[in-house]
Amino acid sequence: MSRKVLIADKVPEWFLGRLREAGLEVSFQPKLGEAELPTAVDGIEVLVVRSTKVSAAAIEAASKLALIVRAGSGYNTIAVDAATAHRVAVSNCPGKNAVAVAELAMGLLLTLDRRIPDNVSDFRSGTWNKAEYSKAEGLYGKTLGILGMGNIGKEVARRARAFGMKVCAYDVVTVNEPGVEMLKSVEAVVVAADALTVHLPAGPTTKGLFNTAMFDRMKPGMLFINTSRHDVVDEAALLAAVEKKGLRAAVDVFKGEPEQKNGAVTSPLANCRGIYVTHHIGASTEQAQNAVAEEALRIILTWYREGTVPNRVN
C-alpha cells in the first residue's frame, strides 16, 4: 500500500519528522500553488494543505489519493464535492487556531480605534500629529457585535468582556456564552453594535452578506472587522460605506489575495485610508500552527492505523 504524504504548505519541522518516524514517505513542497498541484499528486495517498487551493482537477489527477487534510478550520479552498465523488475523505482541524484569530481580531479592534498604523506612518515620515490622533473614543462600555459564535467567536467574546465591552452576537445554532446577549438575526446585531467582528464560514447563505443594504444599517463611524472569508463582504459596498458613513474597517482577507507567500499585490482596498488590511495572518502564530499540526498528525495517523478519519467533513 502506498504510504506517500504530500505537504503542500509550510508546516513545523517537527511535524515532518513525526510523519517520517511513523514510516510514511513525506514529500514537502510548501511553494506549490493551485496550478502546480495536479502534477504533484501522482502516487500521493494523503495531501495536507493550509492555504493552497485543491481543485477538482487536482483530485481527478490523483489516482491514489484517499485523504485531504486541511491544516486549519475552514475547508472552502477544497473542492469537497469532487473529493466525495472520487471517494476521497476531507478532514480539517477545527478550533485549533481560534485563540490566534481572536487575538488578531482584538488587535484590529484596538488598531481601528486608535488608528495605530496611521500614527506610525506619520511618525516615520517625519510628521507629528498628536492633535489628530488624540480623538479616539475608546472601547470601554461600547457594544461589540459578533457574527458567528463558534470557537473563534467565543474567544473574541471573552477578550472583549475583559476590555469592559458589552457583547451581543448571532449564530445559526443556540449558543450559551456568559456575558453574551444572543440576538435573533444578523441585522439585529448590526444595528445594536458600535463595532462588529465577523467569524462566518463561506457559503451560499453568507456570500455577499455585507452589501450596501447591510452597511446602511450600521451606525456612522462603525468599526468593522473581517477575519473570516472575503466572500462575505461586497468590497465595493464596503468602500462606499467608508466614504459615506465614516465606517472604519480592518480585514485579514480580501478578494484576489495572492496564493504565494510573498510578491506583488493589488486591491481596491489598498487606496482607502479608512481600511487596514493584514496579510491573512489570523492563524499565523507559532502556538496556533503547532496546535493545528498536532491535530493534522492525529488525523493522518488515526486513518493509517485505524481506518477512520477524525473531523471528516464529507
Protein backbone atom coordinates (compact mmCIF):
# COMPACT_ATOMS: atom_id res chain seq x y z
CA MET A 1 0.00 0.00 0.00
CA SER A 2 1.22 3.48 -0.85
CA ARG A 3 2.24 5.49 2.20
CA LYS A 4 3.11 8.76 0.48
CA VAL A 5 2.12 12.06 2.07
CA LEU A 6 2.40 15.39 0.24
CA ILE A 7 2.66 18.55 2.36
CA ALA A 8 1.79 21.49 0.08
CA ASP A 9 2.20 24.32 2.60
CA LYS A 10 4.60 25.38 5.30
CA VAL A 11 4.38 23.31 8.50
CA PRO A 12 6.58 22.95 11.60
CA GLU A 13 9.72 20.85 11.03
CA TRP A 14 8.80 18.50 13.87
CA PHE A 15 5.57 17.61 12.04
CA LEU A 16 7.54 16.25 9.09
CA GLY A 17 9.77 14.30 11.46
CA ARG A 18 6.85 12.71 13.29
CA LEU A 19 5.32 11.55 10.00
CA ARG A 20 8.61 10.01 8.91
CA GLU A 21 9.05 8.34 12.29
CA ALA A 22 5.67 6.68 11.67
CA GLY A 23 7.07 5.12 8.49
CA LEU A 24 5.44 7.48 6.00
CA GLU A 25 7.16 8.79 2.87
CA VAL A 26 6.87 12.57 3.06
CA SER A 27 7.14 15.00 0.16
CA PHE A 28 7.45 18.56 1.46
CA GLN A 29 6.65 21.14 -1.25
CA PRO A 30 5.47 24.30 0.55
CA LYS A 31 5.59 26.52 -2.55
CA LEU A 32 3.05 24.52 -4.54
CA GLY A 33 0.08 26.50 -5.82
CA GLU A 34 -3.28 25.51 -7.23
CA ALA A 35 -1.92 25.35 -10.79
CA GLU A 36 1.02 23.10 -9.89
CA LEU A 37 -0.84 20.73 -7.58
CA PRO A 38 -2.37 18.44 -10.27
CA THR A 39 1.11 17.46 -11.49
CA ALA A 40 2.43 16.90 -7.96
CA VAL A 41 -0.18 14.48 -6.61
CA ASP A 42 0.69 11.41 -8.69
CA GLY A 43 1.09 8.46 -6.34
CA ILE A 44 0.11 10.54 -3.28
CA GLU A 45 -2.25 8.98 -0.76
CA VAL A 46 -2.56 11.83 1.76
CA LEU A 47 -2.47 15.55 0.91
CA VAL A 48 -2.02 18.22 3.59
CA VAL A 49 -2.75 21.86 2.75
CA ARG A 50 -3.20 25.17 4.54
CA SER A 51 -3.95 27.95 2.06
CA THR A 52 -3.18 26.07 -1.17
CA LYS A 53 -6.37 25.50 -3.15
CA VAL A 54 -7.25 21.93 -4.04
CA SER A 55 -9.22 21.98 -7.29
CA ALA A 56 -11.32 19.25 -8.85
CA ALA A 57 -8.56 18.90 -11.45
CA ALA A 58 -6.03 18.09 -8.74
CA ILE A 59 -8.32 15.48 -7.19
CA GLU A 60 -9.03 13.90 -10.57
CA ALA A 61 -5.28 13.72 -11.30
CA ALA A 62 -4.53 11.83 -8.08
CA SER A 63 -5.40 8.20 -8.71
CA LYS A 64 -4.24 7.04 -5.25
CA LEU A 65 -5.43 10.00 -3.20
CA ALA A 66 -7.56 8.89 -0.25
CA LEU A 67 -7.37 11.72 2.29
CA ILE A 68 -7.06 15.51 2.17
CA VAL A 69 -6.30 17.24 5.46
CA ARG A 70 -6.90 20.97 5.73
CA ALA A 71 -4.45 22.17 8.37
CA GLY A 72 -6.89 24.80 9.58
CA SER A 73 -10.57 25.19 10.36
CA GLY A 74 -12.26 26.16 7.09
CA TYR A 75 -12.22 23.96 4.02
CA ASN A 76 -13.77 26.22 1.36
CA THR A 77 -10.49 26.09 -0.60
CA ILE A 78 -11.00 22.38 -1.25
CA ALA A 79 -13.30 21.00 -3.96
CA VAL A 80 -15.19 18.85 -1.48
CA ASP A 81 -17.87 17.70 -3.96
CA ALA A 82 -15.17 16.42 -6.31
CA ALA A 83 -13.42 14.71 -3.41
CA THR A 84 -16.65 12.99 -2.41
CA ALA A 85 -17.29 11.89 -5.98
CA HIS A 86 -13.83 10.31 -6.10
CA ARG A 87 -14.17 8.73 -2.63
CA VAL A 88 -11.55 10.98 -1.11
CA ALA A 89 -12.08 11.86 2.55
CA VAL A 90 -11.68 15.52 3.56
CA SER A 91 -10.86 16.48 7.14
CA ASN A 92 -9.98 19.69 8.97
CA CYS A 93 -8.62 20.92 12.30
CA PRO A 94 -11.42 23.00 13.86
CA GLY A 95 -10.80 25.21 16.86
CA LYS A 96 -7.03 24.80 16.97
CA ASN A 97 -6.33 28.34 15.72
CA ALA A 98 -9.25 30.02 17.49
CA VAL A 99 -7.14 31.88 20.05
CA ALA A 100 -4.77 33.20 17.39
CA VAL A 101 -7.60 34.57 15.24
CA ALA A 102 -9.32 36.06 18.29
CA GLU A 103 -6.09 37.80 19.27
CA LEU A 104 -5.80 39.33 15.81
CA ALA A 105 -9.44 40.44 15.87
CA MET A 106 -8.90 42.23 19.16
CA GLY A 107 -5.68 43.74 17.86
CA LEU A 108 -7.50 45.07 14.82
CA LEU A 109 -10.25 46.46 17.03
CA LEU A 110 -7.71 48.45 19.04
CA THR A 111 -5.92 49.43 15.84
CA LEU A 112 -9.08 50.91 14.38
CA ASP A 113 -9.99 52.83 17.50
CA ARG A 114 -6.51 54.34 17.94
CA ARG A 115 -5.56 54.41 14.22
CA ILE A 116 -2.20 52.89 15.14
CA PRO A 117 -0.91 52.29 11.59
CA ASP A 118 -1.52 55.94 10.66
CA ASN A 119 0.24 57.09 13.83
CA VAL A 120 3.28 55.05 12.93
CA SER A 121 3.22 56.02 9.25
CA ASP A 122 3.10 59.74 10.05
CA PHE A 123 5.93 59.48 12.56
CA ARG A 124 8.12 57.58 10.13
CA SER A 125 7.52 60.26 7.51
CA GLY A 126 8.51 63.00 9.97
CA THR A 127 5.00 64.22 10.78
CA TRP A 128 3.85 64.90 14.37
CA ASN A 129 0.06 64.84 14.56
CA LYS A 130 -0.92 64.34 18.20
CA ALA A 131 -3.96 66.61 17.88
CA GLU A 132 -5.47 64.33 15.22
CA TYR A 133 -4.67 61.03 16.89
CA SER A 134 -5.94 62.08 20.32
CA LYS A 135 -9.54 61.77 19.10
CA ALA A 136 -10.10 58.04 19.76
CA GLU A 137 -13.36 57.22 21.54
CA GLY A 138 -12.10 54.16 23.44
CA LEU A 139 -13.64 50.71 23.69
CA TYR A 140 -14.78 50.54 27.32
CA GLY A 141 -18.57 50.33 27.55
CA LYS A 142 -19.01 50.03 23.79
CA THR A 143 -21.04 47.20 22.27
CA LEU A 144 -19.18 44.63 20.21
CA GLY A 145 -21.28 42.59 17.82
CA ILE A 146 -20.00 39.12 16.96
CA LEU A 147 -21.34 37.25 13.96
CA GLY A 148 -20.58 33.57 14.31
CA MET A 149 -20.21 32.16 17.82
CA GLY A 150 -18.07 29.15 17.08
CA ASN A 151 -14.70 28.58 18.69
CA ILE A 152 -13.29 31.87 17.44
CA GLY A 153 -16.34 33.96 18.27
CA LYS A 154 -16.34 32.66 21.83
CA GLU A 155 -12.66 33.51 22.29
CA VAL A 156 -13.28 37.03 20.96
CA ALA A 157 -16.21 37.47 23.33
CA ARG A 158 -14.10 36.53 26.36
CA ARG A 159 -11.41 39.04 25.41
CA ALA A 160 -13.90 41.81 24.66
CA ARG A 161 -15.58 41.36 28.04
CA ALA A 162 -12.16 41.66 29.70
CA PHE A 163 -11.91 45.07 27.99
CA GLY A 164 -15.19 46.10 29.59
CA MET A 165 -17.21 45.87 26.38
CA LYS A 166 -20.81 44.78 26.09
CA VAL A 167 -21.18 41.85 23.71
CA CYS A 168 -24.09 40.81 21.53
CA ALA A 169 -23.97 38.05 18.93
CA TYR A 170 -25.80 35.93 16.40
CA ASP A 171 -25.29 32.35 15.33
CA VAL A 172 -27.47 29.87 13.48
CA VAL A 173 -27.25 27.49 16.43
CA THR A 174 -28.09 28.09 20.07
CA VAL A 175 -25.01 29.26 21.95
CA ASN A 176 -24.74 29.89 25.67
CA GLU A 177 -21.72 32.05 26.45
CA PRO A 178 -21.52 34.00 29.74
CA GLY A 179 -21.94 37.73 29.30
CA VAL A 180 -23.07 37.49 25.67
CA GLU A 181 -26.55 38.58 24.60
CA MET A 182 -27.67 36.36 21.73
CA LEU A 183 -29.87 38.21 19.24
CA LYS A 184 -32.26 36.74 16.70
CA SER A 185 -30.69 37.91 13.44
CA VAL A 186 -27.59 39.29 11.76
CA GLU A 187 -29.45 42.55 11.22
CA ALA A 188 -30.26 42.90 14.91
CA VAL A 189 -26.58 42.61 15.81
CA VAL A 190 -25.55 45.04 13.07
CA VAL A 191 -27.98 47.67 14.34
CA ALA A 192 -27.03 47.26 18.01
CA ALA A 193 -23.25 47.23 17.67
CA ASP A 194 -20.69 50.01 17.84
CA ALA A 195 -18.09 47.61 16.48
CA LEU A 196 -18.64 44.42 14.53
CA THR A 197 -16.39 41.39 14.04
CA VAL A 198 -17.22 38.67 11.53
CA HIS A 199 -16.45 34.97 12.06
CA LEU A 200 -18.68 33.29 9.49
CA PRO A 201 -17.96 30.43 7.06
CA ALA A 202 -18.10 30.97 3.32
CA GLY A 203 -21.20 29.58 1.68
CA PRO A 204 -24.35 30.38 -0.28
CA THR A 205 -26.06 31.99 2.71
CA THR A 206 -23.12 34.22 3.64
CA LYS A 207 -21.72 35.21 0.24
CA GLY A 208 -22.07 38.97 -0.20
CA LEU A 209 -23.89 39.21 3.15
CA PHE A 210 -22.32 42.59 3.79
CA ASN A 211 -23.75 44.53 0.89
CA THR A 212 -24.99 48.09 0.56
CA ALA A 213 -28.21 47.37 2.44
CA MET A 214 -26.33 45.80 5.36
CA PHE A 215 -23.78 48.61 5.61
CA ASP A 216 -26.64 51.13 5.54
CA ARG A 217 -27.94 49.60 8.78
CA MET A 218 -24.69 50.30 10.62
CA LYS A 219 -24.07 53.28 12.85
CA PRO A 220 -21.94 56.10 11.42
CA GLY A 221 -18.33 55.54 12.38
CA MET A 222 -18.84 51.80 12.97
CA LEU A 223 -15.66 49.72 13.40
CA PHE A 224 -15.90 46.70 11.07
CA ILE A 225 -13.56 43.68 11.25
CA ASN A 226 -13.46 40.63 8.99
CA THR A 227 -11.02 37.83 9.74
CA SER A 228 -13.19 35.08 8.24
CA ARG A 229 -13.64 34.84 4.45
CA HIS A 230 -13.55 37.59 1.83
CA ASP A 231 -16.68 36.19 0.14
CA VAL A 232 -18.92 37.52 2.92
CA VAL A 233 -18.13 41.15 2.01
CA ASP A 234 -19.07 43.12 -1.10
CA GLU A 235 -15.89 45.17 -1.32
CA ALA A 236 -17.44 47.92 -3.45
CA ALA A 237 -20.16 48.36 -0.82
CA LEU A 238 -17.50 48.41 1.92
CA LEU A 239 -15.54 51.16 0.16
CA ALA A 240 -18.73 53.19 -0.29
CA ALA A 241 -19.61 52.80 3.40
CA VAL A 242 -16.17 54.03 4.43
CA GLU A 243 -16.57 57.10 2.25
CA LYS A 244 -20.21 57.93 3.01
CA LYS A 245 -20.66 56.83 6.64
CA GLY A 246 -17.19 57.21 8.08
CA LEU A 247 -17.06 53.48 8.73
CA ARG A 248 -13.56 52.22 9.54
CA ALA A 249 -12.62 48.67 8.62
CA ALA A 250 -9.84 46.16 9.19
CA VAL A 251 -9.75 42.94 7.18
CA ASP A 252 -7.41 39.97 7.13
CA VAL A 253 -8.91 38.61 3.90
CA PHE A 254 -9.73 40.22 0.56
CA LYS A 255 -10.71 39.38 -3.00
CA GLY A 256 -7.80 38.44 -5.23
CA GLU A 257 -5.45 37.57 -2.39
CA PRO A 258 -2.18 36.17 -3.80
CA GLU A 259 -1.75 32.45 -3.35
CA GLN A 260 2.01 32.73 -2.87
CA LYS A 261 3.51 33.85 0.41
CA ASN A 262 5.26 36.96 -0.95
CA GLY A 263 5.33 39.17 -4.03
CA ALA A 264 3.26 41.96 -5.55
CA VAL A 265 -0.34 42.60 -4.60
CA THR A 266 -3.12 44.83 -5.91
CA SER A 267 -6.53 45.56 -4.44
CA PRO A 268 -9.01 48.46 -4.49
CA LEU A 269 -8.77 48.38 -0.69
CA ALA A 270 -5.14 49.50 -0.80
CA ASN A 271 -6.05 53.05 -1.75
CA CYS A 272 -8.52 53.65 1.07
CA ARG A 273 -7.15 55.22 4.25
CA GLY A 274 -10.19 54.07 6.19
CA ILE A 275 -9.34 50.40 5.68
CA TYR A 276 -6.46 48.45 7.19
CA VAL A 277 -5.54 45.16 5.51
CA THR A 278 -3.38 42.48 7.10
CA HIS A 279 -1.79 39.60 5.21
CA HIS A 280 -4.19 36.74 6.06
CA ILE A 281 -2.26 36.08 9.25
CA GLY A 282 -5.14 35.27 11.60
CA ALA A 283 -3.95 31.74 12.31
CA SER A 284 -0.27 32.52 11.85
CA THR A 285 1.16 32.27 15.33
CA GLU A 286 3.62 29.59 16.37
CA GLN A 287 1.22 28.45 19.08
CA ALA A 288 -1.63 28.03 16.60
CA GLN A 289 0.47 26.29 13.97
CA ASN A 290 1.78 23.78 16.48
CA ALA A 291 -1.75 23.04 17.71
CA VAL A 292 -3.02 22.61 14.14
CA ALA A 293 -0.07 20.39 13.24
CA GLU A 294 -0.74 18.17 16.26
CA GLU A 295 -4.34 17.72 15.11
CA ALA A 296 -3.34 17.08 11.49
CA LEU A 297 -0.87 14.45 12.71
CA ARG A 298 -3.59 12.81 14.79
CA ILE A 299 -5.92 12.68 11.78
CA ILE A 300 -3.32 11.13 9.49
CA LEU A 301 -2.04 8.53 11.95
CA THR A 302 -5.55 7.60 13.07
CA TRP A 303 -6.53 6.97 9.47
CA TYR A 304 -3.46 4.84 8.75
CA ARG A 305 -3.71 2.84 11.96
CA GLU A 306 -7.48 2.54 12.46
CA GLY A 307 -9.04 3.32 9.09
CA THR A 308 -11.20 6.14 10.47
CA VAL A 309 -10.97 9.87 9.70
CA PRO A 310 -11.39 12.28 12.64
CA ASN A 311 -13.19 15.54 11.84
CA ARG A 312 -14.32 14.23 8.45
CA VAL A 313 -16.44 16.84 6.63
CA ASN A 314 -17.71 14.66 3.76
